[in-house]
Amino acid sequence: MASRPFRVGRSRTGLGLFATEIIPKGTIIAEYRGRRLRNEEADKLADRGNKYLYEVNSRWTIDGSNRRNLARYGNHSCRPNAESDVTRQSKVIIRAIKKIRPGDEITYDYGEDYFDLIIKPIGCKCDKCREKRAEKRRIARKKRLTKLARAARKAEREKVAQVEAKRAAAAASKKKSSSKTKSKKTGAKKVLSKPPKPVVSRQAVPQAPVLDVSEQRKAA
């Protein structure tokens, strides 16, 4: 194996380390190098924005901001293929925790404190977190589409119900109108079927002539 089984290349978060050959599990990939600082001084640098500080113990911290420290390009991952460790000589090493294939990005977990202070506010961009966010978006999209589909089915059912109600009302109105027309026709037939009443002709009855009293005497 070559002395440097990786290269520095472009990553989602900027620059990263990528394997150039198979790296077996347990292999020491690189050493995190830099000047040693007292933790008090390192805290001041951290307040100024230095993100390459690695605390070795309760007294010392390694400032790995120098570009010759290639291990500084190893990015964080919540599902890493390497880990950082402090040796007995107080050296910080990056070691493979699984078999790393050529082209794979070499990542390790930066630790809970660094994650909460630096990474979490801007969002982790590792593959695991990206997959989680993608899964959440997929589930949210599925729920949204299911909700829209339910609303569409409900609207369709309501529309069908309204159409059926209108048809039923129109049929009832038509039936009622037909019944009234039939009733009127039946009543007219009954009136026409009644026999005509006999017409009694009133002829003038001849009356006896009224005579005066003088004429009655003459006649007598």
N, C-alpha and C. Protein backbone atom coordinates (compact mmCIF):
# COMPACT_ATOMS: atom_id res chain seq x y z
N MET A 1 0.83 -1.20 0.00
CA MET A 1 0.00 0.00 0.00
C MET A 1 0.86 1.25 0.00
N ALA A 2 0.48 2.22 -0.73
CA ALA A 2 1.22 3.48 -0.79
C ALA A 2 1.14 4.18 0.55
N SER A 3 2.04 5.16 0.75
CA SER A 3 2.05 5.89 2.01
C SER A 3 0.82 6.78 2.16
N ARG A 4 0.18 7.11 1.05
CA ARG A 4 -1.01 7.95 1.10
C ARG A 4 -2.09 7.31 0.23
N PRO A 5 -2.97 6.53 0.82
CA PRO A 5 -3.99 5.81 0.03
C PRO A 5 -5.23 6.66 -0.25
N PHE A 6 -5.06 7.95 -0.35
CA PHE A 6 -6.21 8.83 -0.58
C PHE A 6 -5.77 10.05 -1.35
N ARG A 7 -6.73 10.81 -1.79
CA ARG A 7 -6.48 12.07 -2.46
C ARG A 7 -7.46 13.10 -1.93
N VAL A 8 -7.16 14.35 -2.13
CA VAL A 8 -8.06 15.44 -1.77
C VAL A 8 -8.88 15.81 -3.01
N GLY A 9 -10.17 15.80 -2.87
CA GLY A 9 -11.04 16.10 -4.00
C GLY A 9 -12.29 16.84 -3.57
N ARG A 10 -13.10 17.20 -4.57
CA ARG A 10 -14.33 17.93 -4.31
C ARG A 10 -15.38 17.04 -3.65
N SER A 11 -16.05 17.62 -2.64
CA SER A 11 -17.11 16.92 -1.92
C SER A 11 -18.33 17.82 -1.83
N ARG A 12 -19.42 17.32 -1.27
CA ARG A 12 -20.64 18.12 -1.13
C ARG A 12 -20.41 19.32 -0.22
N THR A 13 -19.51 19.17 0.73
CA THR A 13 -19.27 20.24 1.69
C THR A 13 -18.02 21.06 1.36
N GLY A 14 -17.47 20.86 0.18
CA GLY A 14 -16.26 21.58 -0.20
C GLY A 14 -15.19 20.61 -0.66
N LEU A 15 -14.14 20.43 0.15
CA LEU A 15 -13.10 19.46 -0.14
C LEU A 15 -13.25 18.26 0.79
N GLY A 16 -12.78 17.11 0.33
CA GLY A 16 -12.85 15.90 1.14
C GLY A 16 -11.74 14.93 0.77
N LEU A 17 -11.65 13.85 1.53
CA LEU A 17 -10.66 12.81 1.27
C LEU A 17 -11.34 11.65 0.56
N PHE A 18 -10.71 11.13 -0.50
CA PHE A 18 -11.27 10.03 -1.27
C PHE A 18 -10.20 8.94 -1.43
N ALA A 19 -10.62 7.71 -1.19
CA ALA A 19 -9.69 6.59 -1.27
C ALA A 19 -9.24 6.38 -2.72
N THR A 20 -7.97 6.10 -2.90
CA THR A 20 -7.41 5.83 -4.23
C THR A 20 -7.15 4.34 -4.41
N GLU A 21 -7.31 3.57 -3.34
CA GLU A 21 -7.14 2.12 -3.40
C GLU A 21 -7.92 1.51 -2.25
N ILE A 22 -7.99 0.20 -2.22
CA ILE A 22 -8.72 -0.46 -1.15
C ILE A 22 -8.00 -0.24 0.17
N ILE A 23 -8.75 0.23 1.17
CA ILE A 23 -8.20 0.45 2.52
C ILE A 23 -8.86 -0.55 3.44
N PRO A 24 -8.11 -1.56 3.92
CA PRO A 24 -8.70 -2.58 4.80
C PRO A 24 -9.14 -1.99 6.15
N LYS A 25 -10.05 -2.67 6.79
CA LYS A 25 -10.52 -2.26 8.10
C LYS A 25 -9.36 -2.26 9.10
N GLY A 26 -9.30 -1.23 9.93
CA GLY A 26 -8.24 -1.11 10.94
C GLY A 26 -7.01 -0.39 10.46
N THR A 27 -6.94 -0.01 9.19
CA THR A 27 -5.77 0.68 8.66
C THR A 27 -5.74 2.13 9.13
N ILE A 28 -4.54 2.59 9.56
CA ILE A 28 -4.37 4.00 9.90
C ILE A 28 -4.22 4.77 8.59
N ILE A 29 -5.16 5.65 8.34
CA ILE A 29 -5.21 6.37 7.06
C ILE A 29 -4.34 7.62 7.09
N ALA A 30 -4.44 8.40 8.15
CA ALA A 30 -3.69 9.65 8.24
C ALA A 30 -3.57 10.07 9.70
N GLU A 31 -2.67 11.01 9.93
CA GLU A 31 -2.50 11.59 11.26
C GLU A 31 -2.95 13.04 11.23
N TYR A 32 -3.70 13.43 12.24
CA TYR A 32 -4.17 14.81 12.35
C TYR A 32 -3.04 15.62 12.98
N ARG A 33 -2.39 16.45 12.16
CA ARG A 33 -1.19 17.16 12.60
C ARG A 33 -1.48 18.64 12.82
N GLY A 34 -0.64 19.26 13.65
CA GLY A 34 -0.73 20.69 13.90
C GLY A 34 -0.01 21.07 15.17
N ARG A 35 0.02 22.35 15.42
CA ARG A 35 0.69 22.82 16.63
C ARG A 35 -0.18 22.55 17.86
N ARG A 36 0.50 22.35 18.97
CA ARG A 36 -0.22 22.08 20.22
C ARG A 36 -0.47 23.39 20.96
N LEU A 37 -1.68 23.51 21.43
CA LEU A 37 -2.08 24.72 22.16
C LEU A 37 -2.69 24.32 23.50
N ARG A 38 -2.56 25.23 24.46
CA ARG A 38 -3.31 25.07 25.70
C ARG A 38 -4.80 25.23 25.38
N ASN A 39 -5.61 24.52 26.10
CA ASN A 39 -7.05 24.55 25.82
C ASN A 39 -7.63 25.95 25.96
N GLU A 40 -7.07 26.76 26.87
CA GLU A 40 -7.55 28.13 27.03
C GLU A 40 -7.31 28.94 25.76
N GLU A 41 -6.12 28.77 25.18
CA GLU A 41 -5.80 29.48 23.95
C GLU A 41 -6.63 28.95 22.79
N ALA A 42 -6.86 27.63 22.78
CA ALA A 42 -7.68 27.03 21.72
C ALA A 42 -9.11 27.55 21.79
N ASP A 43 -9.62 27.77 22.99
CA ASP A 43 -10.98 28.31 23.13
C ASP A 43 -11.09 29.70 22.51
N LYS A 44 -10.04 30.51 22.67
CA LYS A 44 -10.04 31.84 22.06
C LYS A 44 -10.06 31.74 20.54
N LEU A 45 -9.27 30.79 19.99
CA LEU A 45 -9.26 30.61 18.54
C LEU A 45 -10.62 30.11 18.04
N ALA A 46 -11.24 29.27 18.84
CA ALA A 46 -12.57 28.76 18.46
C ALA A 46 -13.58 29.90 18.41
N ASP A 47 -13.48 30.83 19.34
CA ASP A 47 -14.38 31.98 19.34
C ASP A 47 -14.16 32.85 18.10
N ARG A 48 -12.97 32.81 17.54
CA ARG A 48 -12.66 33.59 16.34
C ARG A 48 -13.04 32.86 15.05
N GLY A 49 -13.52 31.62 15.19
CA GLY A 49 -14.00 30.90 14.02
C GLY A 49 -13.12 29.76 13.56
N ASN A 50 -12.09 29.39 14.30
CA ASN A 50 -11.23 28.26 13.92
C ASN A 50 -12.02 26.96 14.12
N LYS A 51 -12.17 26.19 13.04
CA LYS A 51 -12.96 24.95 13.10
C LYS A 51 -12.10 23.69 13.03
N TYR A 52 -10.78 23.85 13.11
CA TYR A 52 -9.90 22.69 12.96
C TYR A 52 -9.17 22.36 14.25
N LEU A 53 -9.80 22.61 15.37
CA LEU A 53 -9.20 22.35 16.67
C LEU A 53 -9.62 20.98 17.18
N TYR A 54 -8.67 20.17 17.55
CA TYR A 54 -8.95 18.82 18.05
C TYR A 54 -8.40 18.72 19.48
N GLU A 55 -9.31 18.60 20.43
CA GLU A 55 -8.92 18.52 21.83
C GLU A 55 -8.37 17.12 22.13
N VAL A 56 -7.12 17.07 22.57
CA VAL A 56 -6.47 15.79 22.85
C VAL A 56 -6.79 15.31 24.26
N ASN A 57 -6.69 16.19 25.21
CA ASN A 57 -7.00 15.86 26.61
C ASN A 57 -7.44 17.13 27.32
N SER A 58 -7.46 17.11 28.62
CA SER A 58 -7.94 18.25 29.40
C SER A 58 -6.98 19.43 29.39
N ARG A 59 -5.79 19.24 28.81
CA ARG A 59 -4.80 20.32 28.79
C ARG A 59 -4.46 20.80 27.39
N TRP A 60 -4.42 19.88 26.42
CA TRP A 60 -3.87 20.21 25.12
C TRP A 60 -4.88 20.04 23.99
N THR A 61 -4.69 20.87 22.97
CA THR A 61 -5.52 20.84 21.76
C THR A 61 -4.60 20.99 20.56
N ILE A 62 -4.91 20.26 19.50
CA ILE A 62 -4.14 20.36 18.26
C ILE A 62 -4.86 21.32 17.32
N ASP A 63 -4.12 22.31 16.83
CA ASP A 63 -4.66 23.24 15.84
C ASP A 63 -4.29 22.69 14.46
N GLY A 64 -5.26 22.10 13.78
CA GLY A 64 -5.01 21.47 12.49
C GLY A 64 -5.37 22.34 11.30
N SER A 65 -5.36 23.66 11.48
CA SER A 65 -5.78 24.55 10.39
C SER A 65 -4.74 24.66 9.28
N ASN A 66 -3.49 24.21 9.52
CA ASN A 66 -2.46 24.26 8.50
C ASN A 66 -2.85 23.35 7.32
N ARG A 67 -2.70 23.86 6.10
CA ARG A 67 -3.11 23.10 4.91
C ARG A 67 -2.27 21.85 4.69
N ARG A 68 -1.08 21.78 5.27
CA ARG A 68 -0.27 20.57 5.14
C ARG A 68 -0.87 19.42 5.95
N ASN A 69 -1.80 19.74 6.84
CA ASN A 69 -2.51 18.71 7.59
C ASN A 69 -3.65 18.18 6.72
N LEU A 70 -3.35 17.18 5.89
CA LEU A 70 -4.36 16.67 4.95
C LEU A 70 -5.54 16.02 5.66
N ALA A 71 -5.34 15.56 6.89
CA ALA A 71 -6.43 14.92 7.63
C ALA A 71 -7.57 15.89 7.93
N ARG A 72 -7.27 17.18 7.86
CA ARG A 72 -8.30 18.18 8.13
C ARG A 72 -9.41 18.14 7.09
N TYR A 73 -9.14 17.56 5.91
CA TYR A 73 -10.13 17.50 4.84
C TYR A 73 -11.09 16.31 4.99
N GLY A 74 -10.86 15.50 5.98
CA GLY A 74 -11.81 14.42 6.24
C GLY A 74 -13.11 14.98 6.80
N ASN A 75 -14.19 14.75 6.12
CA ASN A 75 -15.47 15.35 6.51
C ASN A 75 -16.23 14.50 7.53
N HIS A 76 -17.19 15.16 8.18
CA HIS A 76 -18.02 14.47 9.17
C HIS A 76 -19.09 13.64 8.48
N SER A 77 -19.45 12.53 9.10
CA SER A 77 -20.58 11.72 8.64
C SER A 77 -21.21 11.04 9.85
N CYS A 78 -22.54 10.97 9.81
CA CYS A 78 -23.26 10.24 10.87
C CYS A 78 -23.23 8.74 10.63
N ARG A 79 -22.76 8.34 9.46
CA ARG A 79 -22.56 6.93 9.14
C ARG A 79 -21.15 6.79 8.52
N PRO A 80 -20.11 6.95 9.34
CA PRO A 80 -18.75 7.04 8.81
C PRO A 80 -18.14 5.68 8.47
N ASN A 81 -17.05 5.73 7.71
CA ASN A 81 -16.28 4.52 7.44
C ASN A 81 -14.90 4.57 8.10
N ALA A 82 -14.68 5.63 8.89
CA ALA A 82 -13.43 5.76 9.64
C ALA A 82 -13.74 6.40 10.99
N GLU A 83 -12.70 6.46 11.84
CA GLU A 83 -12.86 7.08 13.16
C GLU A 83 -11.57 7.79 13.54
N SER A 84 -11.71 8.76 14.43
CA SER A 84 -10.52 9.43 14.97
C SER A 84 -10.22 8.86 16.34
N ASP A 85 -8.94 8.78 16.66
CA ASP A 85 -8.53 8.21 17.95
C ASP A 85 -7.24 8.86 18.41
N VAL A 86 -7.07 8.90 19.74
CA VAL A 86 -5.87 9.46 20.33
C VAL A 86 -5.00 8.31 20.83
N THR A 87 -3.75 8.27 20.36
CA THR A 87 -2.83 7.20 20.75
C THR A 87 -2.20 7.51 22.11
N ARG A 88 -1.42 6.57 22.57
CA ARG A 88 -0.73 6.77 23.85
C ARG A 88 0.29 7.90 23.76
N GLN A 89 0.78 8.16 22.60
CA GLN A 89 1.73 9.26 22.41
C GLN A 89 1.02 10.59 22.18
N SER A 90 -0.29 10.62 22.44
CA SER A 90 -1.12 11.82 22.27
C SER A 90 -1.18 12.28 20.83
N LYS A 91 -1.07 11.34 19.92
CA LYS A 91 -1.24 11.64 18.51
C LYS A 91 -2.68 11.34 18.11
N VAL A 92 -3.21 12.14 17.19
CA VAL A 92 -4.56 11.93 16.69
C VAL A 92 -4.47 11.26 15.33
N ILE A 93 -5.09 10.09 15.20
CA ILE A 93 -5.03 9.35 13.94
C ILE A 93 -6.44 9.13 13.39
N ILE A 94 -6.52 8.94 12.09
CA ILE A 94 -7.76 8.58 11.41
C ILE A 94 -7.61 7.13 10.96
N ARG A 95 -8.52 6.26 11.42
CA ARG A 95 -8.41 4.83 11.18
C ARG A 95 -9.69 4.31 10.55
N ALA A 96 -9.53 3.40 9.59
CA ALA A 96 -10.69 2.81 8.91
C ALA A 96 -11.41 1.84 9.85
N ILE A 97 -12.73 1.95 9.91
CA ILE A 97 -13.52 1.03 10.74
C ILE A 97 -14.25 0.00 9.88
N LYS A 98 -14.08 0.11 8.57
CA LYS A 98 -14.63 -0.87 7.64
C LYS A 98 -13.80 -0.81 6.36
N LYS A 99 -14.02 -1.74 5.50
CA LYS A 99 -13.30 -1.75 4.24
C LYS A 99 -13.76 -0.58 3.38
N ILE A 100 -12.78 0.21 2.93
CA ILE A 100 -13.08 1.39 2.11
C ILE A 100 -12.60 1.11 0.69
N ARG A 101 -13.49 1.28 -0.27
CA ARG A 101 -13.17 0.99 -1.68
C ARG A 101 -12.69 2.25 -2.39
N PRO A 102 -11.94 2.07 -3.48
CA PRO A 102 -11.46 3.23 -4.25
C PRO A 102 -12.61 4.11 -4.71
N GLY A 103 -12.46 5.39 -4.53
CA GLY A 103 -13.50 6.35 -4.91
C GLY A 103 -14.42 6.72 -3.77
N ASP A 104 -14.46 5.92 -2.69
CA ASP A 104 -15.30 6.24 -1.54
C ASP A 104 -14.71 7.42 -0.77
N GLU A 105 -15.60 8.29 -0.28
CA GLU A 105 -15.12 9.40 0.55
C GLU A 105 -14.82 8.88 1.95
N ILE A 106 -13.71 9.31 2.50
CA ILE A 106 -13.30 8.91 3.85
C ILE A 106 -13.90 9.89 4.84
N THR A 107 -14.73 9.40 5.73
CA THR A 107 -15.43 10.26 6.68
C THR A 107 -15.34 9.67 8.09
N TYR A 108 -15.48 10.54 9.07
CA TYR A 108 -15.53 10.09 10.46
C TYR A 108 -16.43 11.01 11.26
N ASP A 109 -16.83 10.57 12.43
CA ASP A 109 -17.76 11.33 13.28
C ASP A 109 -16.97 12.36 14.07
N TYR A 110 -17.35 13.63 13.95
CA TYR A 110 -16.64 14.71 14.62
C TYR A 110 -16.94 14.77 16.12
N GLY A 111 -17.96 14.09 16.55
CA GLY A 111 -18.31 14.14 17.96
C GLY A 111 -19.55 14.98 18.22
N GLU A 112 -20.18 14.70 19.34
CA GLU A 112 -21.46 15.34 19.66
C GLU A 112 -21.34 16.84 19.85
N ASP A 113 -20.29 17.28 20.55
CA ASP A 113 -20.14 18.72 20.82
C ASP A 113 -19.97 19.51 19.53
N TYR A 114 -19.08 19.05 18.67
CA TYR A 114 -18.84 19.75 17.40
C TYR A 114 -20.11 19.73 16.54
N PHE A 115 -20.79 18.59 16.54
CA PHE A 115 -22.01 18.48 15.73
C PHE A 115 -23.06 19.49 16.19
N ASP A 116 -23.27 19.57 17.51
CA ASP A 116 -24.31 20.47 18.03
C ASP A 116 -23.96 21.94 17.83
N LEU A 117 -22.67 22.29 17.95
CA LEU A 117 -22.26 23.69 17.87
C LEU A 117 -22.07 24.18 16.43
N ILE A 118 -21.50 23.34 15.57
CA ILE A 118 -21.11 23.79 14.24
C ILE A 118 -22.02 23.25 13.13
N ILE A 119 -22.27 21.95 13.15
CA ILE A 119 -22.96 21.30 12.02
C ILE A 119 -24.47 21.42 12.10
N LYS A 120 -25.02 21.17 13.27
CA LYS A 120 -26.48 21.13 13.41
C LYS A 120 -27.17 22.42 13.00
N PRO A 121 -26.64 23.61 13.36
CA PRO A 121 -27.32 24.86 12.96
C PRO A 121 -27.46 25.04 11.46
N ILE A 122 -26.51 24.51 10.68
CA ILE A 122 -26.57 24.67 9.22
C ILE A 122 -27.10 23.43 8.52
N GLY A 123 -27.23 22.32 9.27
CA GLY A 123 -27.75 21.09 8.70
C GLY A 123 -26.64 20.17 8.21
N CYS A 124 -26.68 18.94 8.65
CA CYS A 124 -25.66 17.97 8.25
C CYS A 124 -25.89 17.54 6.80
N LYS A 125 -24.80 17.45 6.03
CA LYS A 125 -24.89 17.11 4.61
C LYS A 125 -24.34 15.72 4.30
N CYS A 126 -24.18 14.90 5.32
CA CYS A 126 -23.68 13.55 5.07
C CYS A 126 -24.76 12.70 4.39
N ASP A 127 -24.35 11.57 3.83
CA ASP A 127 -25.28 10.72 3.08
C ASP A 127 -26.45 10.26 3.94
N LYS A 128 -26.15 9.89 5.18
CA LYS A 128 -27.22 9.39 6.06
C LYS A 128 -28.29 10.46 6.31
N CYS A 129 -27.82 11.67 6.64
CA CYS A 129 -28.78 12.76 6.91
C CYS A 129 -29.52 13.17 5.64
N ARG A 130 -28.84 13.16 4.51
CA ARG A 130 -29.50 13.48 3.25
C ARG A 130 -30.57 12.44 2.94
N GLU A 131 -30.27 11.17 3.20
CA GLU A 131 -31.26 10.11 3.00
C GLU A 131 -32.45 10.29 3.93
N LYS A 132 -32.18 10.68 5.18
CA LYS A 132 -33.27 10.91 6.14
C LYS A 132 -34.18 12.04 5.66
N ARG A 133 -33.55 13.14 5.22
CA ARG A 133 -34.34 14.28 4.74
C ARG A 133 -35.13 13.90 3.50
N ALA A 134 -34.49 13.13 2.62
CA ALA A 134 -35.19 12.69 1.40
C ALA A 134 -36.37 11.79 1.76
N GLU A 135 -36.18 10.91 2.75
CA GLU A 135 -37.27 10.03 3.18
C GLU A 135 -38.41 10.83 3.80
N LYS A 136 -38.05 11.83 4.60
CA LYS A 136 -39.08 12.69 5.20
C LYS A 136 -39.87 13.43 4.12
N ARG A 137 -39.14 13.95 3.12
CA ARG A 137 -39.83 14.64 2.02
C ARG A 137 -40.74 13.69 1.25
N ARG A 138 -40.25 12.44 1.06
CA ARG A 138 -41.06 11.45 0.34
C ARG A 138 -42.33 11.12 1.11
N ILE A 139 -42.19 10.94 2.43
CA ILE A 139 -43.35 10.63 3.26
C ILE A 139 -44.33 11.81 3.28
N ALA A 140 -43.78 13.03 3.42
CA ALA A 140 -44.63 14.22 3.43
C ALA A 140 -45.36 14.38 2.09
N ARG A 141 -44.64 14.13 0.99
CA ARG A 141 -45.25 14.23 -0.34
C ARG A 141 -46.35 13.17 -0.50
N LYS A 142 -46.08 11.95 0.00
CA LYS A 142 -47.07 10.89 -0.10
C LYS A 142 -48.32 11.25 0.69
N LYS A 143 -48.13 11.80 1.91
CA LYS A 143 -49.27 12.21 2.72
C LYS A 143 -50.06 13.31 2.03
N ARG A 144 -49.32 14.27 1.43
CA ARG A 144 -49.99 15.38 0.74
C ARG A 144 -50.80 14.89 -0.45
N LEU A 145 -50.21 13.95 -1.22
CA LEU A 145 -50.92 13.42 -2.38
C LEU A 145 -52.13 12.59 -1.95
N THR A 146 -51.96 11.82 -0.85
CA THR A 146 -53.08 11.03 -0.33
C THR A 146 -54.22 11.94 0.11
N LYS A 147 -53.85 13.03 0.78
CA LYS A 147 -54.86 13.99 1.24
C LYS A 147 -55.59 14.63 0.06
N LEU A 148 -54.82 14.99 -0.98
CA LEU A 148 -55.44 15.58 -2.18
C LEU A 148 -56.34 14.58 -2.88
N ALA A 149 -55.89 13.30 -2.92
CA ALA A 149 -56.71 12.27 -3.57
C ALA A 149 -58.01 12.06 -2.81
N ARG A 150 -57.93 12.06 -1.47
CA ARG A 150 -59.14 11.90 -0.66
C ARG A 150 -60.09 13.08 -0.89
N ALA A 151 -59.53 14.28 -0.92
CA ALA A 151 -60.36 15.46 -1.15
C ALA A 151 -61.01 15.41 -2.52
N ALA A 152 -60.26 14.93 -3.53
CA ALA A 152 -60.81 14.82 -4.88
C ALA A 152 -61.94 13.79 -4.93
N ARG A 153 -61.72 12.64 -4.26
CA ARG A 153 -62.78 11.60 -4.23
C ARG A 153 -64.01 12.12 -3.51
N LYS A 154 -63.81 12.85 -2.42
CA LYS A 154 -64.94 13.40 -1.68
C LYS A 154 -65.71 14.40 -2.53
N ALA A 155 -64.97 15.27 -3.24
CA ALA A 155 -65.62 16.25 -4.11
C ALA A 155 -66.39 15.56 -5.23
N GLU A 156 -65.81 14.48 -5.75
CA GLU A 156 -66.49 13.73 -6.82
C GLU A 156 -67.77 13.09 -6.31
N ARG A 157 -67.68 12.51 -5.08
CA ARG A 157 -68.89 11.91 -4.50
C ARG A 157 -69.97 12.96 -4.27
N GLU A 158 -69.57 14.13 -3.77
CA GLU A 158 -70.54 15.20 -3.55
C GLU A 158 -71.15 15.68 -4.86
N LYS A 159 -70.34 15.75 -5.88
CA LYS A 159 -70.83 16.17 -7.20
C LYS A 159 -71.83 15.16 -7.73
N VAL A 160 -71.50 13.86 -7.62
CA VAL A 160 -72.42 12.81 -8.07
C VAL A 160 -73.72 12.86 -7.28
N ALA A 161 -73.59 13.08 -5.95
CA ALA A 161 -74.78 13.15 -5.11
C ALA A 161 -75.66 14.33 -5.51
N GLN A 162 -75.05 15.47 -5.83
CA GLN A 162 -75.82 16.63 -6.26
C GLN A 162 -76.52 16.37 -7.59
N VAL A 163 -75.83 15.72 -8.51
CA VAL A 163 -76.44 15.40 -9.81
C VAL A 163 -77.61 14.45 -9.61
N GLU A 164 -77.43 13.43 -8.79
CA GLU A 164 -78.50 12.48 -8.53
C GLU A 164 -79.69 13.16 -7.84
N ALA A 165 -79.39 14.07 -6.91
CA ALA A 165 -80.47 14.79 -6.22
C ALA A 165 -81.26 15.65 -7.21
N LYS A 166 -80.53 16.31 -8.13
CA LYS A 166 -81.21 17.13 -9.15
C LYS A 166 -82.07 16.26 -10.06
N ARG A 167 -81.54 15.11 -10.44
CA ARG A 167 -82.32 14.20 -11.29
C ARG A 167 -83.56 13.71 -10.58
N ALA A 168 -83.39 13.35 -9.29
CA ALA A 168 -84.52 12.87 -8.51
C ALA A 168 -85.58 13.97 -8.37
N ALA A 169 -85.13 15.21 -8.11
CA ALA A 169 -86.07 16.33 -7.97
C ALA A 169 -86.79 16.59 -9.29
N ALA A 170 -86.04 16.52 -10.39
CA ALA A 170 -86.67 16.74 -11.70
C ALA A 170 -87.68 15.65 -12.02
N ALA A 171 -87.33 14.39 -11.68
CA ALA A 171 -88.25 13.28 -11.92
C ALA A 171 -89.50 13.42 -11.08
N ALA A 172 -89.33 13.82 -9.80
CA ALA A 172 -90.49 14.00 -8.93
C ALA A 172 -91.38 15.12 -9.43
N SER A 173 -90.75 16.22 -9.87
CA SER A 173 -91.53 17.36 -10.40
C SER A 173 -92.28 16.96 -11.66
N LYS A 174 -91.62 16.19 -12.52
CA LYS A 174 -92.26 15.75 -13.76
C LYS A 174 -93.43 14.82 -13.47
N LYS A 175 -93.22 13.93 -12.50
CA LYS A 175 -94.28 12.99 -12.12
C LYS A 175 -95.48 13.73 -11.54
N LYS A 176 -95.21 14.73 -10.73
CA LYS A 176 -96.30 15.51 -10.11
C LYS A 176 -97.07 16.28 -11.17
N SER A 177 -96.34 16.88 -12.10
CA SER A 177 -96.99 17.63 -13.17
C SER A 177 -97.84 16.73 -14.05
N SER A 178 -97.33 15.53 -14.34
CA SER A 178 -98.06 14.56 -15.15
C SER A 178 -99.33 14.11 -14.44
N SER A 179 -99.23 13.93 -13.12
CA SER A 179 -100.40 13.49 -12.34
C SER A 179 -101.49 14.56 -12.36
N LYS A 180 -101.09 15.84 -12.26
CA LYS A 180 -102.09 16.92 -12.29
C LYS A 180 -102.78 17.00 -13.64
N THR A 181 -102.03 16.86 -14.72
CA THR A 181 -102.60 16.91 -16.07
C THR A 181 -103.59 15.78 -16.29
N LYS A 182 -103.22 14.59 -15.83
CA LYS A 182 -104.10 13.43 -15.97
C LYS A 182 -105.38 13.62 -15.19
N SER A 183 -105.26 14.21 -13.99
CA SER A 183 -106.44 14.44 -13.17
C SER A 183 -107.39 15.42 -13.86
N LYS A 184 -106.85 16.46 -14.48
CA LYS A 184 -107.70 17.44 -15.18
C LYS A 184 -108.41 16.79 -16.35
N LYS A 185 -107.72 15.96 -17.11
CA LYS A 185 -108.33 15.31 -18.26
C LYS A 185 -109.44 14.37 -17.82
N THR A 186 -109.21 13.63 -16.74
CA THR A 186 -110.22 12.71 -16.22
C THR A 186 -111.46 13.46 -15.77
N GLY A 187 -111.35 14.60 -15.13
CA GLY A 187 -112.48 15.41 -14.68
C GLY A 187 -113.28 15.93 -15.86
N ALA A 188 -112.63 16.33 -16.93
CA ALA A 188 -113.34 16.82 -18.10
C ALA A 188 -114.15 15.73 -18.74
N LYS A 189 -113.66 14.53 -18.79
CA LYS A 189 -114.42 13.41 -19.36
C LYS A 189 -115.66 13.12 -18.55
N LYS A 190 -115.56 13.19 -17.23
CA LYS A 190 -116.71 12.93 -16.38
C LYS A 190 -117.80 13.96 -16.62
N VAL A 191 -117.46 15.19 -16.82
CA VAL A 191 -118.45 16.24 -17.07
C VAL A 191 -119.15 16.01 -18.40
N LEU A 192 -118.36 15.60 -19.41
CA LEU A 192 -118.93 15.36 -20.72
C LEU A 192 -119.79 14.11 -20.75
N SER A 193 -119.53 13.17 -19.87
CA SER A 193 -120.27 11.90 -19.88
C SER A 193 -121.63 12.01 -19.20
N LYS A 194 -121.90 13.10 -18.49
CA LYS A 194 -123.19 13.25 -17.83
C LYS A 194 -124.26 13.49 -18.89
N PRO A 195 -125.42 12.79 -18.79
CA PRO A 195 -126.48 13.01 -19.78
C PRO A 195 -127.08 14.40 -19.63
N PRO A 196 -127.46 14.98 -20.74
CA PRO A 196 -128.02 16.34 -20.65
C PRO A 196 -129.38 16.32 -19.96
N LYS A 197 -129.61 17.33 -19.14
CA LYS A 197 -130.89 17.42 -18.43
C LYS A 197 -132.01 17.72 -19.42
N PRO A 198 -133.21 17.05 -19.23
CA PRO A 198 -134.35 17.32 -20.14
C PRO A 198 -134.81 18.75 -20.03
N VAL A 199 -135.05 19.33 -21.19
CA VAL A 199 -135.49 20.73 -21.20
C VAL A 199 -137.02 20.74 -21.29
N VAL A 200 -137.64 21.26 -20.28
CA VAL A 200 -139.12 21.32 -20.24
C VAL A 200 -139.54 22.63 -20.89
N SER A 201 -140.28 22.47 -22.01
CA SER A 201 -140.74 23.68 -22.72
C SER A 201 -142.00 24.19 -22.08
N ARG A 202 -142.00 25.39 -21.78
CA ARG A 202 -143.17 26.00 -21.15
C ARG A 202 -144.01 26.71 -22.23
N GLN A 203 -145.11 26.04 -22.63
CA GLN A 203 -146.00 26.65 -23.64
C GLN A 203 -147.07 27.50 -22.96
N ALA A 204 -147.50 28.50 -23.65
CA ALA A 204 -148.53 29.40 -23.07
C ALA A 204 -149.86 28.68 -22.97
N VAL A 205 -150.49 28.65 -21.78
CA VAL A 205 -151.80 28.00 -21.55
C VAL A 205 -152.88 29.05 -21.84
N PRO A 206 -153.86 28.70 -22.73
CA PRO A 206 -154.91 29.67 -23.05
C PRO A 206 -155.78 29.97 -21.84
N GLN A 207 -156.05 31.16 -21.61
CA GLN A 207 -156.86 31.57 -20.48
C GLN A 207 -158.21 32.12 -20.99
N ALA A 208 -159.21 31.93 -20.18
CA ALA A 208 -160.56 32.42 -20.56
C ALA A 208 -160.58 33.92 -20.53
N PRO A 209 -161.28 34.53 -21.46
CA PRO A 209 -161.31 35.98 -21.50
C PRO A 209 -162.05 36.55 -20.29
N VAL A 210 -161.54 37.59 -19.82
CA VAL A 210 -162.16 38.25 -18.65
C VAL A 210 -163.23 39.21 -19.16
N LEU A 211 -164.49 39.03 -18.70
CA LEU A 211 -165.59 39.86 -19.14
C LEU A 211 -165.94 40.89 -18.09
N ASP A 212 -166.37 42.01 -18.59
CA ASP A 212 -166.85 43.01 -17.64
C ASP A 212 -168.14 42.56 -17.02
N VAL A 213 -168.57 43.23 -15.96
CA VAL A 213 -169.81 42.88 -15.26
C VAL A 213 -171.01 43.18 -16.15
N SER A 214 -170.93 44.23 -16.93
CA SER A 214 -172.06 44.58 -17.80
C SER A 214 -172.25 43.56 -18.88
N GLU A 215 -171.09 43.09 -19.38
CA GLU A 215 -171.15 42.07 -20.41
C GLU A 215 -171.66 40.78 -19.86
N GLN A 216 -171.27 40.50 -18.56
CA GLN A 216 -171.77 39.27 -17.91
C GLN A 216 -173.29 39.33 -17.77
N ARG A 217 -173.82 40.49 -17.46
CA ARG A 217 -175.27 40.64 -17.30
C ARG A 217 -175.97 40.45 -18.65
N LYS A 218 -175.32 41.00 -19.67
CA LYS A 218 -175.92 40.83 -20.99
C LYS A 218 -175.94 39.40 -21.39
N ALA A 219 -174.94 38.79 -21.08
CA ALA A 219 -174.90 37.39 -21.44
C ALA A 219 -175.89 36.59 -20.67
N ALA A 220 -176.17 36.98 -19.46
CA ALA A 220 -177.16 36.28 -18.69
C ALA A 220 -178.55 36.59 -19.22
